[in-house]
Amino acid sequence: MRVRADMPPGHVRTPAYLRGKIGWVERQLGPFPNPEALAYDRPAEKLPLYRVRFTMADIWGDAAENPADTLDAEIYAHWLEPVHAP
């Protein structure tokens, strides 16, 4: 899955350094209220939350000190998009 590359203003829970990066879903954690709505005291629909795994090479490219090391991030479904093969 690819993390959307959007940079909207305001509170978003998805780290900027992961936006636009490709990782794989390690597992689904369940539905949870959207924290982006909760931050502004708005009604929050429940959205699927995923644990997405990235290698350091996925994130930092050639600058990765240990390219095969991994990082897991919890990312809501509305921030993820499928990666289409060329």
PDB file of N, CA and C in Angstrom:
ATOM      1  N   MET A   1       0.844  -1.172   0.000  1.00  0.00           N
ATOM      2  CA  MET A   1       0.000   0.000   0.000  1.00  0.00           C
ATOM      3  C   MET A   1       0.894   1.240   0.000  1.00  0.00           C
ATOM      4  N   ARG A   2       0.369   2.288  -0.576  1.00  0.00           N
ATOM      5  CA  ARG A   2       1.083   3.564  -0.572  1.00  0.00           C
ATOM      6  C   ARG A   2       0.337   4.509   0.374  1.00  0.00           C
ATOM      7  N   VAL A   3       1.101   5.236   1.167  1.00  0.00           N
ATOM      8  CA  VAL A   3       0.523   6.270   2.014  1.00  0.00           C
ATOM      9  C   VAL A   3       0.294   7.490   1.136  1.00  0.00           C
ATOM     10  N   ARG A   4      -0.903   8.042   1.200  1.00  0.00           N
ATOM     11  CA  ARG A   4      -1.195   9.231   0.388  1.00  0.00           C
ATOM     12  C   ARG A   4      -0.148  10.305   0.655  1.00  0.00           C
ATOM     13  N   ALA A   5       0.188  11.046  -0.366  1.00  0.00           N
ATOM     14  CA  ALA A   5       1.219  12.081  -0.273  1.00  0.00           C
ATOM     15  C   ALA A   5       0.644  13.449   0.087  1.00  0.00           C
ATOM     16  N   ASP A   6      -0.635  13.520   0.421  1.00  0.00           N
ATOM     17  CA  ASP A   6      -1.269  14.798   0.753  1.00  0.00           C
ATOM     18  C   ASP A   6      -0.599  15.462   1.948  1.00  0.00           C
ATOM     19  N   MET A   7      -0.612  16.779   1.952  1.00  0.00           N
ATOM     20  CA  MET A   7      -0.093  17.560   3.078  1.00  0.00           C
ATOM     21  C   MET A   7      -1.166  18.571   3.507  1.00  0.00           C
ATOM     22  N   PRO A   8      -2.296  18.082   4.051  1.00  0.00           N
ATOM     23  CA  PRO A   8      -3.360  19.000   4.439  1.00  0.00           C
ATOM     24  C   PRO A   8      -2.979  19.795   5.684  1.00  0.00           C
ATOM     25  N   PRO A   9      -3.593  20.958   5.859  1.00  0.00           N
ATOM     26  CA  PRO A   9      -3.341  21.725   7.086  1.00  0.00           C
ATOM     27  C   PRO A   9      -4.067  21.077   8.261  1.00  0.00           C
ATOM     28  N   GLY A  10      -3.666  21.432   9.443  1.00  0.00           N
ATOM     29  CA  GLY A  10      -4.357  20.963  10.632  1.00  0.00           C
ATOM     30  C   GLY A  10      -3.781  19.674  11.171  1.00  0.00           C
ATOM     31  N   HIS A  11      -4.526  19.086  12.090  1.00  0.00           N
ATOM     32  CA  HIS A  11      -4.091  17.866  12.771  1.00  0.00           C
ATOM     33  C   HIS A  11      -4.304  16.657  11.881  1.00  0.00           C
ATOM     34  N   VAL A  12      -3.246  15.967  11.566  1.00  0.00           N
ATOM     35  CA  VAL A  12      -3.336  14.665  10.909  1.00  0.00           C
ATOM     36  C   VAL A  12      -2.403  13.723  11.649  1.00  0.00           C
ATOM     37  N   ARG A  13      -2.794  12.477  11.736  1.00  0.00           N
ATOM     38  CA  ARG A  13      -2.046  11.523  12.543  1.00  0.00           C
ATOM     39  C   ARG A  13      -0.963  10.804  11.745  1.00  0.00           C
ATOM     40  N   THR A  14      -0.988  10.933  10.438  1.00  0.00           N
ATOM     41  CA  THR A  14      -0.035  10.224   9.585  1.00  0.00           C
ATOM     42  C   THR A  14       1.268  11.014   9.484  1.00  0.00           C
ATOM     43  N   PRO A  15       2.388  10.410   9.864  1.00  0.00           N
ATOM     44  CA  PRO A  15       3.662  11.131   9.827  1.00  0.00           C
ATOM     45  C   PRO A  15       4.020  11.612   8.418  1.00  0.00           C
ATOM     46  N   ALA A  16       4.498  12.834   8.325  1.00  0.00           N
ATOM     47  CA  ALA A  16       4.855  13.428   7.031  1.00  0.00           C
ATOM     48  C   ALA A  16       5.949  12.623   6.330  1.00  0.00           C
ATOM     49  N   TYR A  17       6.888  12.054   7.087  1.00  0.00           N
ATOM     50  CA  TYR A  17       7.986  11.326   6.448  1.00  0.00           C
ATOM     51  C   TYR A  17       7.540  10.008   5.814  1.00  0.00           C
ATOM     52  N   LEU A  18       6.308   9.567   6.106  1.00  0.00           N
ATOM     53  CA  LEU A  18       5.792   8.344   5.480  1.00  0.00           C
ATOM     54  C   LEU A  18       4.880   8.628   4.295  1.00  0.00           C
ATOM     55  N   ARG A  19       4.491   9.864   4.111  1.00  0.00           N
ATOM     56  CA  ARG A  19       3.562  10.191   3.027  1.00  0.00           C
ATOM     57  C   ARG A  19       4.231   9.986   1.671  1.00  0.00           C
ATOM     58  N   GLY A  20       3.524   9.269   0.817  1.00  0.00           N
ATOM     59  CA  GLY A  20       4.058   8.931  -0.504  1.00  0.00           C
ATOM     60  C   GLY A  20       4.899   7.663  -0.517  1.00  0.00           C
ATOM     61  N   LYS A  21       5.136   7.073   0.644  1.00  0.00           N
ATOM     62  CA  LYS A  21       5.984   5.870   0.738  1.00  0.00           C
ATOM     63  C   LYS A  21       5.148   4.604   0.594  1.00  0.00           C
ATOM     64  N   ILE A  22       5.800   3.547   0.153  1.00  0.00           N
ATOM     65  CA  ILE A  22       5.144   2.254  -0.043  1.00  0.00           C
ATOM     66  C   ILE A  22       5.592   1.293   1.055  1.00  0.00           C
ATOM     67  N   GLY A  23       4.606   0.652   1.659  1.00  0.00           N
ATOM     68  CA  GLY A  23       4.855  -0.375   2.659  1.00  0.00           C
ATOM     69  C   GLY A  23       3.856  -1.495   2.456  1.00  0.00           C
ATOM     70  N   TRP A  24       3.802  -2.430   3.394  1.00  0.00           N
ATOM     71  CA  TRP A  24       2.817  -3.497   3.280  1.00  0.00           C
ATOM     72  C   TRP A  24       2.072  -3.622   4.594  1.00  0.00           C
ATOM     73  N   VAL A  25       0.811  -4.015   4.469  1.00  0.00           N
ATOM     74  CA  VAL A  25      -0.030  -4.161   5.647  1.00  0.00           C
ATOM     75  C   VAL A  25       0.413  -5.397   6.409  1.00  0.00           C
ATOM     76  N   GLU A  26       0.834  -5.170   7.635  1.00  0.00           N
ATOM     77  CA  GLU A  26       1.242  -6.265   8.504  1.00  0.00           C
ATOM     78  C   GLU A  26       0.000  -6.903   9.120  1.00  0.00           C
ATOM     79  N   ARG A  27      -0.974  -6.055   9.499  1.00  0.00           N
ATOM     80  CA  ARG A  27      -2.264  -6.555   9.985  1.00  0.00           C
ATOM     81  C   ARG A  27      -3.249  -5.415  10.171  1.00  0.00           C
ATOM     82  N   GLN A  28      -4.520  -5.785  10.228  1.00  0.00           N
ATOM     83  CA  GLN A  28      -5.572  -4.814  10.549  1.00  0.00           C
ATOM     84  C   GLN A  28      -5.777  -4.850  12.052  1.00  0.00           C
ATOM     85  N   LEU A  29      -5.901  -3.676  12.658  1.00  0.00           N
ATOM     86  CA  LEU A  29      -6.037  -3.583  14.111  1.00  0.00           C
ATOM     87  C   LEU A  29      -7.478  -3.417  14.553  1.00  0.00           C
ATOM     88  N   GLY A  30      -8.373  -3.071  13.632  1.00  0.00           N
ATOM     89  CA  GLY A  30      -9.775  -2.893  13.976  1.00  0.00           C
ATOM     90  C   GLY A  30     -10.251  -1.506  13.616  1.00  0.00           C
ATOM     91  N   PRO A  31     -11.538  -1.241  13.818  1.00  0.00           N
ATOM     92  CA  PRO A  31     -12.067   0.096  13.554  1.00  0.00           C
ATOM     93  C   PRO A  31     -11.935   0.986  14.797  1.00  0.00           C
ATOM     94  N   PHE A  32     -11.503   2.214  14.577  1.00  0.00           N
ATOM     95  CA  PHE A  32     -11.356   3.189  15.660  1.00  0.00           C
ATOM     96  C   PHE A  32     -11.852   4.541  15.167  1.00  0.00           C
ATOM     97  N   PRO A  33     -12.321   5.397  16.073  1.00  0.00           N
ATOM     98  CA  PRO A  33     -12.776   6.731  15.666  1.00  0.00           C
ATOM     99  C   PRO A  33     -11.642   7.518  14.987  1.00  0.00           C
ATOM    100  N   ASN A  34     -11.990   8.246  13.948  1.00  0.00           N
ATOM    101  CA  ASN A  34     -11.026   9.041  13.194  1.00  0.00           C
ATOM    102  C   ASN A  34     -10.451  10.150  14.082  1.00  0.00           C
ATOM    103  N   PRO A  35      -9.158  10.097  14.408  1.00  0.00           N
ATOM    104  CA  PRO A  35      -8.569  11.099  15.294  1.00  0.00           C
ATOM    105  C   PRO A  35      -8.507  12.492  14.672  1.00  0.00           C
ATOM    106  N   GLU A  36      -8.551  12.564  13.349  1.00  0.00           N
ATOM    107  CA  GLU A  36      -8.525  13.874  12.691  1.00  0.00           C
ATOM    108  C   GLU A  36      -9.814  14.634  12.967  1.00  0.00           C
ATOM    109  N   ALA A  37     -10.922  13.935  13.110  1.00  0.00           N
ATOM    110  CA  ALA A  37     -12.191  14.570  13.478  1.00  0.00           C
ATOM    111  C   ALA A  37     -12.224  14.838  14.979  1.00  0.00           C
ATOM    112  N   LEU A  38     -11.763  13.890  15.772  1.00  0.00           N
ATOM    113  CA  LEU A  38     -11.771  14.061  17.229  1.00  0.00           C
ATOM    114  C   LEU A  38     -10.942  15.268  17.666  1.00  0.00           C
ATOM    115  N   ALA A  39      -9.857  15.557  16.949  1.00  0.00           N
ATOM    116  CA  ALA A  39      -8.989  16.685  17.310  1.00  0.00           C
ATOM    117  C   ALA A  39      -9.728  18.014  17.260  1.00  0.00           C
ATOM    118  N   TYR A  40     -10.794  18.062  16.456  1.00  0.00           N
ATOM    119  CA  TYR A  40     -11.568  19.304  16.319  1.00  0.00           C
ATOM    120  C   TYR A  40     -12.961  19.165  16.937  1.00  0.00           C
ATOM    121  N   ASP A  41     -13.101  18.170  17.825  1.00  0.00           N
ATOM    122  CA  ASP A  41     -14.345  17.954  18.557  1.00  0.00           C
ATOM    123  C   ASP A  41     -15.532  17.751  17.618  1.00  0.00           C
ATOM    124  N   ARG A  42     -15.282  17.062  16.506  1.00  0.00           N
ATOM    125  CA  ARG A  42     -16.337  16.738  15.546  1.00  0.00           C
ATOM    126  C   ARG A  42     -16.706  15.261  15.695  1.00  0.00           C
ATOM    127  N   PRO A  43     -17.901  14.890  15.248  1.00  0.00           N
ATOM    128  CA  PRO A  43     -18.246  13.458  15.260  1.00  0.00           C
ATOM    129  C   PRO A  43     -17.231  12.683  14.426  1.00  0.00           C
ATOM    130  N   ALA A  44     -16.822  11.547  14.953  1.00  0.00           N
ATOM    131  CA  ALA A  44     -15.767  10.770  14.286  1.00  0.00           C
ATOM    132  C   ALA A  44     -16.283   9.400  13.906  1.00  0.00           C
ATOM    133  N   GLU A  45     -16.353   9.142  12.608  1.00  0.00           N
ATOM    134  CA  GLU A  45     -16.737   7.803  12.171  1.00  0.00           C
ATOM    135  C   GLU A  45     -15.604   6.839  12.479  1.00  0.00           C
ATOM    136  N   LYS A  46     -15.963   5.581  12.653  1.00  0.00           N
ATOM    137  CA  LYS A  46     -14.936   4.562  12.887  1.00  0.00           C
ATOM    138  C   LYS A  46     -14.348   4.146  11.550  1.00  0.00           C
ATOM    139  N   LEU A  47     -13.020   4.114  11.503  1.00  0.00           N
ATOM    140  CA  LEU A  47     -12.290   3.744  10.292  1.00  0.00           C
ATOM    141  C   LEU A  47     -11.361   2.587  10.605  1.00  0.00           C
ATOM    142  N   PRO A  48     -11.094   1.724   9.628  1.00  0.00           N
ATOM    143  CA  PRO A  48     -10.119   0.657   9.845  1.00  0.00           C
ATOM    144  C   PRO A  48      -8.729   1.249  10.090  1.00  0.00           C
ATOM    145  N   LEU A  49      -8.036   0.686  11.059  1.00  0.00           N
ATOM    146  CA  LEU A  49      -6.670   1.090  11.367  1.00  0.00           C
ATOM    147  C   LEU A  49      -5.763  -0.089  11.040  1.00  0.00           C
ATOM    148  N   TYR A  50      -4.688   0.195  10.317  1.00  0.00           N
ATOM    149  CA  TYR A  50      -3.765  -0.850   9.889  1.00  0.00           C
ATOM    150  C   TYR A  50      -2.374  -0.608  10.461  1.00  0.00           C
ATOM    151  N   ARG A  51      -1.673  -1.697  10.720  1.00  0.00           N
ATOM    152  CA  ARG A  51      -0.247  -1.609  11.024  1.00  0.00           C
ATOM    153  C   ARG A  51       0.463  -1.848   9.702  1.00  0.00           C
ATOM    154  N   VAL A  52       1.200  -0.838   9.243  1.00  0.00           N
ATOM    155  CA  VAL A  52       1.877  -0.891   7.951  1.00  0.00           C
ATOM    156  C   VAL A  52       3.378  -0.931   8.217  1.00  0.00           C
ATOM    157  N   ARG A  53       4.053  -1.845   7.547  1.00  0.00           N
ATOM    158  CA  ARG A  53       5.493  -2.036   7.736  1.00  0.00           C
ATOM    159  C   ARG A  53       6.254  -1.476   6.537  1.00  0.00           C
ATOM    160  N   PHE A  54       7.310  -0.756   6.854  1.00  0.00           N
ATOM    161  CA  PHE A  54       8.197  -0.154   5.851  1.00  0.00           C
ATOM    162  C   PHE A  54       9.623  -0.591   6.162  1.00  0.00           C
ATOM    163  N   THR A  55      10.424  -0.781   5.126  1.00  0.00           N
ATOM    164  CA  THR A  55      11.856  -0.954   5.381  1.00  0.00           C
ATOM    165  C   THR A  55      12.484   0.437   5.422  1.00  0.00           C
ATOM    166  N   MET A  56      13.627   0.505   6.029  1.00  0.00           N
ATOM    167  CA  MET A  56      14.335   1.794   6.048  1.00  0.00           C
ATOM    168  C   MET A  56      14.660   2.231   4.626  1.00  0.00           C
ATOM    169  N   ALA A  57      14.918   1.267   3.727  1.00  0.00           N
ATOM    170  CA  ALA A  57      15.155   1.605   2.318  1.00  0.00           C
ATOM    171  C   ALA A  57      13.902   2.211   1.690  1.00  0.00           C
ATOM    172  N   ASP A  58      12.694   1.706   2.072  1.00  0.00           N
ATOM    173  CA  ASP A  58      11.439   2.278   1.570  1.00  0.00           C
ATOM    174  C   ASP A  58      11.318   3.754   1.961  1.00  0.00           C
ATOM    175  N   ILE A  59      11.769   4.070   3.162  1.00  0.00           N
ATOM    176  CA  ILE A  59      11.594   5.421   3.698  1.00  0.00           C
ATOM    177  C   ILE A  59      12.726   6.353   3.282  1.00  0.00           C
ATOM    178  N   TRP A  60      13.957   5.909   3.458  1.00  0.00           N
ATOM    179  CA  TRP A  60      15.109   6.808   3.298  1.00  0.00           C
ATOM    180  C   TRP A  60      15.935   6.548   2.043  1.00  0.00           C
ATOM    181  N   GLY A  61      15.594   5.504   1.275  1.00  0.00           N
ATOM    182  CA  GLY A  61      16.332   5.231   0.042  1.00  0.00           C
ATOM    183  C   GLY A  61      17.785   4.888   0.312  1.00  0.00           C
ATOM    184  N   ASP A  62      18.669   5.422  -0.502  1.00  0.00           N
ATOM    185  CA  ASP A  62      20.105   5.132  -0.383  1.00  0.00           C
ATOM    186  C   ASP A  62      20.722   5.674   0.897  1.00  0.00           C
ATOM    187  N   ALA A  63      20.051   6.592   1.563  1.00  0.00           N
ATOM    188  CA  ALA A  63      20.579   7.173   2.804  1.00  0.00           C
ATOM    189  C   ALA A  63      20.328   6.277   4.021  1.00  0.00           C
ATOM    190  N   ALA A  64      19.598   5.184   3.852  1.00  0.00           N
ATOM    191  CA  ALA A  64      19.295   4.286   4.974  1.00  0.00           C
ATOM    192  C   ALA A  64      20.567   3.604   5.459  1.00  0.00           C
ATOM    193  N   GLU A  65      20.846   3.739   6.736  1.00  0.00           N
ATOM    194  CA  GLU A  65      22.035   3.120   7.318  1.00  0.00           C
ATOM    195  C   GLU A  65      21.907   1.595   7.341  1.00  0.00           C
ATOM    196  N   ASN A  66      20.716   1.102   7.697  1.00  0.00           N
ATOM    197  CA  ASN A  66      20.423  -0.334   7.727  1.00  0.00           C
ATOM    198  C   ASN A  66      19.177  -0.571   6.879  1.00  0.00           C
ATOM    199  N   PRO A  67      19.339  -0.684   5.566  1.00  0.00           N
ATOM    200  CA  PRO A  67      18.201  -0.703   4.645  1.00  0.00           C
ATOM    201  C   PRO A  67      17.147  -1.775   4.922  1.00  0.00           C
ATOM    202  N   ALA A  68      17.539  -2.921   5.483  1.00  0.00           N
ATOM    203  CA  ALA A  68      16.587  -4.007   5.707  1.00  0.00           C
ATOM    204  C   ALA A  68      15.824  -3.871   7.033  1.00  0.00           C
ATOM    205  N   ASP A  69      16.267  -2.989   7.922  1.00  0.00           N
ATOM    206  CA  ASP A  69      15.530  -2.767   9.168  1.00  0.00           C
ATOM    207  C   ASP A  69      14.136  -2.252   8.842  1.00  0.00           C
ATOM    208  N   THR A  70      13.198  -2.504   9.740  1.00  0.00           N
ATOM    209  CA  THR A  70      11.814  -2.113   9.478  1.00  0.00           C
ATOM    210  C   THR A  70      11.272  -1.147  10.525  1.00  0.00           C
ATOM    211  N   LEU A  71      10.237  -0.457  10.113  1.00  0.00           N
ATOM    212  CA  LEU A  71       9.490   0.446  10.980  1.00  0.00           C
ATOM    213  C   LEU A  71       8.023   0.122  10.764  1.00  0.00           C
ATOM    214  N   ASP A  72       7.261  -0.017  11.862  1.00  0.00           N
ATOM    215  CA  ASP A  72       5.823  -0.230  11.773  1.00  0.00           C
ATOM    216  C   ASP A  72       5.122   1.049  12.187  1.00  0.00           C
ATOM    217  N   ALA A  73       4.090   1.410  11.444  1.00  0.00           N
ATOM    218  CA  ALA A  73       3.290   2.599  11.753  1.00  0.00           C
ATOM    219  C   ALA A  73       1.823   2.228  11.671  1.00  0.00           C
ATOM    220  N   GLU A  74       1.042   2.807  12.561  1.00  0.00           N
ATOM    221  CA  GLU A  74      -0.402   2.586  12.537  1.00  0.00           C
ATOM    222  C   GLU A  74      -1.036   3.704  11.727  1.00  0.00           C
ATOM    223  N   ILE A  75      -1.689   3.308  10.630  1.00  0.00           N
ATOM    224  CA  ILE A  75      -2.207   4.273   9.655  1.00  0.00           C
ATOM    225  C   ILE A  75      -3.659   3.930   9.334  1.00  0.00           C
ATOM    226  N   TYR A  76      -4.505   4.950   9.374  1.00  0.00           N
ATOM    227  CA  TYR A  76      -5.921   4.757   9.068  1.00  0.00           C
ATOM    228  C   TYR A  76      -6.133   4.533   7.572  1.00  0.00           C
ATOM    229  N   ALA A  77      -7.197   3.775   7.257  1.00  0.00           N
ATOM    230  CA  ALA A  77      -7.483   3.352   5.885  1.00  0.00           C
ATOM    231  C   ALA A  77      -7.576   4.514   4.908  1.00  0.00           C
ATOM    232  N   HIS A  78      -8.120   5.662   5.344  1.00  0.00           N
ATOM    233  CA  HIS A  78      -8.304   6.768   4.395  1.00  0.00           C
ATOM    234  C   HIS A  78      -6.982   7.399   3.968  1.00  0.00           C
ATOM    235  N   TRP A  79      -5.885   7.023   4.605  1.00  0.00           N
ATOM    236  CA  TRP A  79      -4.559   7.497   4.212  1.00  0.00           C
ATOM    237  C   TRP A  79      -3.836   6.513   3.299  1.00  0.00           C
ATOM    238  N   LEU A  80      -4.437   5.360   3.049  1.00  0.00           N
ATOM    239  CA  LEU A  80      -3.769   4.335   2.244  1.00  0.00           C
ATOM    240  C   LEU A  80      -4.430   4.207   0.880  1.00  0.00           C
ATOM    241  N   GLU A  81      -3.599   3.928  -0.115  1.00  0.00           N
ATOM    242  CA  GLU A  81      -4.107   3.689  -1.461  1.00  0.00           C
ATOM    243  C   GLU A  81      -3.349   2.514  -2.056  1.00  0.00           C
ATOM    244  N   PRO A  82      -4.006   1.766  -2.950  1.00  0.00           N
ATOM    245  CA  PRO A  82      -3.315   0.612  -3.547  1.00  0.00           C
ATOM    246  C   PRO A  82      -2.178   1.074  -4.461  1.00  0.00           C
ATOM    247  N   VAL A  83      -1.183   0.232  -4.546  1.00  0.00           N
ATOM    248  CA  VAL A  83      -0.077   0.462  -5.467  1.00  0.00           C
ATOM    249  C   VAL A  83      -0.361  -0.382  -6.697  1.00  0.00           C
ATOM    250  N   HIS A  84      -0.422   0.265  -7.835  1.00  0.00           N
ATOM    251  CA  HIS A  84      -0.720  -0.438  -9.075  1.00  0.00           C
ATOM    252  C   HIS A  84       0.579  -0.762  -9.806  1.00  0.00           C
ATOM    253  N   ALA A  85       0.691  -2.000 -10.224  1.00  0.00           N
ATOM    254  CA  ALA A  85       1.874  -2.406 -10.981  1.00  0.00           C
ATOM    255  C   ALA A  85       1.853  -1.721 -12.346  1.00  0.00           C
ATOM    256  N   PRO A  86       3.023  -1.314 -12.841  1.00  0.00           N
ATOM    257  CA  PRO A  86       3.071  -0.657 -14.158  1.00  0.00           C
ATOM    258  C   PRO A  86       2.720  -1.597 -15.286  1.00  0.00           C
TER     259      PRO A  86
END
